[in-house]
Amino acid sequence: MKSMMKRMGISSEEIEDVEEIIIRTKSKELLFSDAAVTVMTVQGQKTFQIVGEPEIRERAPEEGSKISGEDVSLVVEQAGVSEEEAISALKECNGQPAEAILKLMSSK
């Protein structure tokens, strides 16, 4: 198999002593402990293959996560509040404009 892969220009190598791998998405983390990792190189492109069972963790929104100016403008316009109030509400609602608008409108 290896000789056939080599003739096709494909090389593979296992990374030794991998302790953990973390894949982060916006809403969760996948933590692989004691995973086997193989690097395959095909025409200069590297592909990483992970073999193992992940532990899935939900992610809390990061403190100080970026709030877009577009979201602030939307909350200001829809809730009829100042930019400062809109930013504060967005922070309290983890950057979710719809939740921030509802929160501000229900407190009026």
C-alpha atoms as a PDB file:
ATOM      1  CA  MET A   1       0.000   0.000   0.000  1.00  0.00           C
ATOM      2  CA  LYS A   2       2.778   2.427   0.956  1.00  0.00           C
ATOM      3  CA  SER A   3       4.710   1.774  -2.265  1.00  0.00           C
ATOM      4  CA  MET A   4       1.571   2.353  -4.340  1.00  0.00           C
ATOM      5  CA  MET A   5       0.908   5.610  -2.468  1.00  0.00           C
ATOM      6  CA  LYS A   6       4.513   6.688  -3.007  1.00  0.00           C
ATOM      7  CA  ARG A   7       4.208   6.061  -6.779  1.00  0.00           C
ATOM      8  CA  MET A   8       1.102   8.261  -6.776  1.00  0.00           C
ATOM      9  CA  GLY A   9       2.983  11.064  -4.991  1.00  0.00           C
ATOM     10  CA  ILE A  10       1.240  10.528  -1.661  1.00  0.00           C
ATOM     11  CA  SER A  11       3.228  10.358   1.557  1.00  0.00           C
ATOM     12  CA  SER A  12       1.954   9.777   5.046  1.00  0.00           C
ATOM     13  CA  GLU A  13       3.497  10.075   8.460  1.00  0.00           C
ATOM     14  CA  GLU A  14       2.119   9.524  11.945  1.00  0.00           C
ATOM     15  CA  ILE A  15       2.698  12.265  14.512  1.00  0.00           C
ATOM     16  CA  GLU A  16       4.049  10.670  17.677  1.00  0.00           C
ATOM     17  CA  ASP A  17       3.264  11.618  21.302  1.00  0.00           C
ATOM     18  CA  VAL A  18       0.080  13.578  20.595  1.00  0.00           C
ATOM     19  CA  GLU A  19      -1.370  14.607  23.960  1.00  0.00           C
ATOM     20  CA  GLU A  20      -4.570  16.324  22.881  1.00  0.00           C
ATOM     21  CA  ILE A  21      -6.283  18.038  19.983  1.00  0.00           C
ATOM     22  CA  ILE A  22      -8.935  20.718  20.362  1.00  0.00           C
ATOM     23  CA  ILE A  23     -11.269  21.755  17.574  1.00  0.00           C
ATOM     24  CA  ARG A  24     -13.176  24.925  18.464  1.00  0.00           C
ATOM     25  CA  THR A  25     -16.360  26.078  16.815  1.00  0.00           C
ATOM     26  CA  LYS A  26     -18.491  29.024  17.826  1.00  0.00           C
ATOM     27  CA  SER A  27     -20.713  26.907  20.076  1.00  0.00           C
ATOM     28  CA  LYS A  28     -18.617  23.913  21.156  1.00  0.00           C
ATOM     29  CA  GLU A  29     -15.196  22.340  21.543  1.00  0.00           C
ATOM     30  CA  LEU A  30     -14.218  18.835  20.524  1.00  0.00           C
ATOM     31  CA  LEU A  31     -11.396  17.581  22.736  1.00  0.00           C
ATOM     32  CA  PHE A  32      -9.485  14.520  21.553  1.00  0.00           C
ATOM     33  CA  SER A  33      -7.250  12.971  24.226  1.00  0.00           C
ATOM     34  CA  ASP A  34      -4.756  10.289  23.208  1.00  0.00           C
ATOM     35  CA  ALA A  35      -5.665  10.655  19.544  1.00  0.00           C
ATOM     36  CA  ALA A  36      -3.731   9.143  16.651  1.00  0.00           C
ATOM     37  CA  VAL A  37      -2.841  11.753  14.041  1.00  0.00           C
ATOM     38  CA  THR A  38      -1.638  11.001  10.530  1.00  0.00           C
ATOM     39  CA  VAL A  39      -0.401  13.654   8.100  1.00  0.00           C
ATOM     40  CA  MET A  40      -0.905  12.872   4.429  1.00  0.00           C
ATOM     41  CA  THR A  41       0.793  14.980   1.775  1.00  0.00           C
ATOM     42  CA  VAL A  42      -0.690  14.919  -1.720  1.00  0.00           C
ATOM     43  CA  GLN A  43       0.736  17.259  -4.361  1.00  0.00           C
ATOM     44  CA  GLY A  44       2.034  19.617  -1.666  1.00  0.00           C
ATOM     45  CA  GLN A  45      -1.286  19.775   0.205  1.00  0.00           C
ATOM     46  CA  LYS A  46      -1.302  18.426   3.762  1.00  0.00           C
ATOM     47  CA  THR A  47      -4.299  16.646   5.222  1.00  0.00           C
ATOM     48  CA  PHE A  48      -4.515  15.717   8.895  1.00  0.00           C
ATOM     49  CA  GLN A  49      -6.467  12.630   9.915  1.00  0.00           C
ATOM     50  CA  ILE A  50      -7.508  12.337  13.568  1.00  0.00           C
ATOM     51  CA  VAL A  51      -8.573   8.993  14.991  1.00  0.00           C
ATOM     52  CA  GLY A  52     -10.134   9.000  18.449  1.00  0.00           C
ATOM     53  CA  GLU A  53     -13.310   9.653  20.397  1.00  0.00           C
ATOM     54  CA  PRO A  54     -13.914  13.357  21.175  1.00  0.00           C
ATOM     55  CA  GLU A  55     -15.284  14.800  24.373  1.00  0.00           C
ATOM     56  CA  ILE A  56     -17.790  17.478  23.348  1.00  0.00           C
ATOM     57  CA  ARG A  57     -18.008  20.632  25.446  1.00  0.00           C
ATOM     58  CA  GLU A  58     -20.410  23.516  24.997  1.00  0.00           C
ATOM     59  CA  ARG A  59     -18.660  26.892  24.735  1.00  0.00           C
ATOM     60  CA  ALA A  60     -19.779  29.976  26.587  1.00  0.00           C
ATOM     61  CA  PRO A  61     -19.529  33.169  24.569  1.00  0.00           C
ATOM     62  CA  GLU A  62     -16.165  34.815  25.067  1.00  0.00           C
ATOM     63  CA  GLU A  63     -16.044  37.774  27.383  1.00  0.00           C
ATOM     64  CA  GLY A  64     -15.551  40.910  25.340  1.00  0.00           C
ATOM     65  CA  SER A  65     -16.537  39.134  22.152  1.00  0.00           C
ATOM     66  CA  LYS A  66     -16.803  41.507  19.237  1.00  0.00           C
ATOM     67  CA  ILE A  67     -20.128  43.164  18.661  1.00  0.00           C
ATOM     68  CA  SER A  68     -20.533  44.401  15.116  1.00  0.00           C
ATOM     69  CA  GLY A  69     -21.473  47.968  14.325  1.00  0.00           C
ATOM     70  CA  GLU A  70     -24.253  46.577  12.172  1.00  0.00           C
ATOM     71  CA  ASP A  71     -25.803  44.833  15.194  1.00  0.00           C
ATOM     72  CA  VAL A  72     -25.496  48.003  17.298  1.00  0.00           C
ATOM     73  CA  SER A  73     -27.199  50.056  14.570  1.00  0.00           C
ATOM     74  CA  LEU A  74     -29.990  47.505  14.264  1.00  0.00           C
ATOM     75  CA  VAL A  75     -30.665  47.528  18.027  1.00  0.00           C
ATOM     76  CA  VAL A  76     -30.533  51.352  18.151  1.00  0.00           C
ATOM     77  CA  GLU A  77     -33.009  51.619  15.279  1.00  0.00           C
ATOM     78  CA  GLN A  78     -35.415  48.897  16.379  1.00  0.00           C
ATOM     79  CA  ALA A  79     -35.439  49.609  20.135  1.00  0.00           C
ATOM     80  CA  GLY A  80     -35.089  53.388  19.885  1.00  0.00           C
ATOM     81  CA  VAL A  81     -32.167  53.586  22.332  1.00  0.00           C
ATOM     82  CA  SER A  82     -28.708  55.145  22.414  1.00  0.00           C
ATOM     83  CA  GLU A  83     -25.618  53.329  21.137  1.00  0.00           C
ATOM     84  CA  GLU A  84     -24.376  52.864  24.703  1.00  0.00           C
ATOM     85  CA  GLU A  85     -27.651  51.214  25.743  1.00  0.00           C
ATOM     86  CA  ALA A  86     -27.585  49.026  22.632  1.00  0.00           C
ATOM     87  CA  ILE A  87     -24.001  47.882  23.293  1.00  0.00           C
ATOM     88  CA  SER A  88     -24.805  47.147  26.921  1.00  0.00           C
ATOM     89  CA  ALA A  89     -27.870  45.102  25.959  1.00  0.00           C
ATOM     90  CA  LEU A  90     -25.912  43.203  23.294  1.00  0.00           C
ATOM     91  CA  LYS A  91     -23.229  42.321  25.840  1.00  0.00           C
ATOM     92  CA  GLU A  92     -25.880  41.089  28.296  1.00  0.00           C
ATOM     93  CA  CYS A  93     -27.489  39.015  25.531  1.00  0.00           C
ATOM     94  CA  ASN A  94     -24.211  37.481  24.301  1.00  0.00           C
ATOM     95  CA  GLY A  95     -24.223  39.508  21.091  1.00  0.00           C
ATOM     96  CA  GLN A  96     -27.689  38.380  19.980  1.00  0.00           C
ATOM     97  CA  PRO A  97     -29.460  41.412  18.434  1.00  0.00           C
ATOM     98  CA  ALA A  98     -32.991  39.958  18.581  1.00  0.00           C
ATOM     99  CA  GLU A  99     -32.657  39.174  22.289  1.00  0.00           C
ATOM    100  CA  ALA A 100     -31.198  42.625  22.976  1.00  0.00           C
ATOM    101  CA  ILE A 101     -34.082  44.337  21.156  1.00  0.00           C
ATOM    102  CA  LEU A 102     -36.692  42.324  23.047  1.00  0.00           C
ATOM    103  CA  LYS A 103     -34.965  43.016  26.361  1.00  0.00           C
ATOM    104  CA  LEU A 104     -34.821  46.766  25.714  1.00  0.00           C
ATOM    105  CA  MET A 105     -38.386  46.988  24.422  1.00  0.00           C
ATOM    106  CA  SER A 106     -39.803  45.025  27.360  1.00  0.00           C
ATOM    107  CA  SER A 107     -38.121  47.396  29.841  1.00  0.00           C
ATOM    108  CA  LYS A 108     -39.807  50.475  28.333  1.00  0.00           C
END
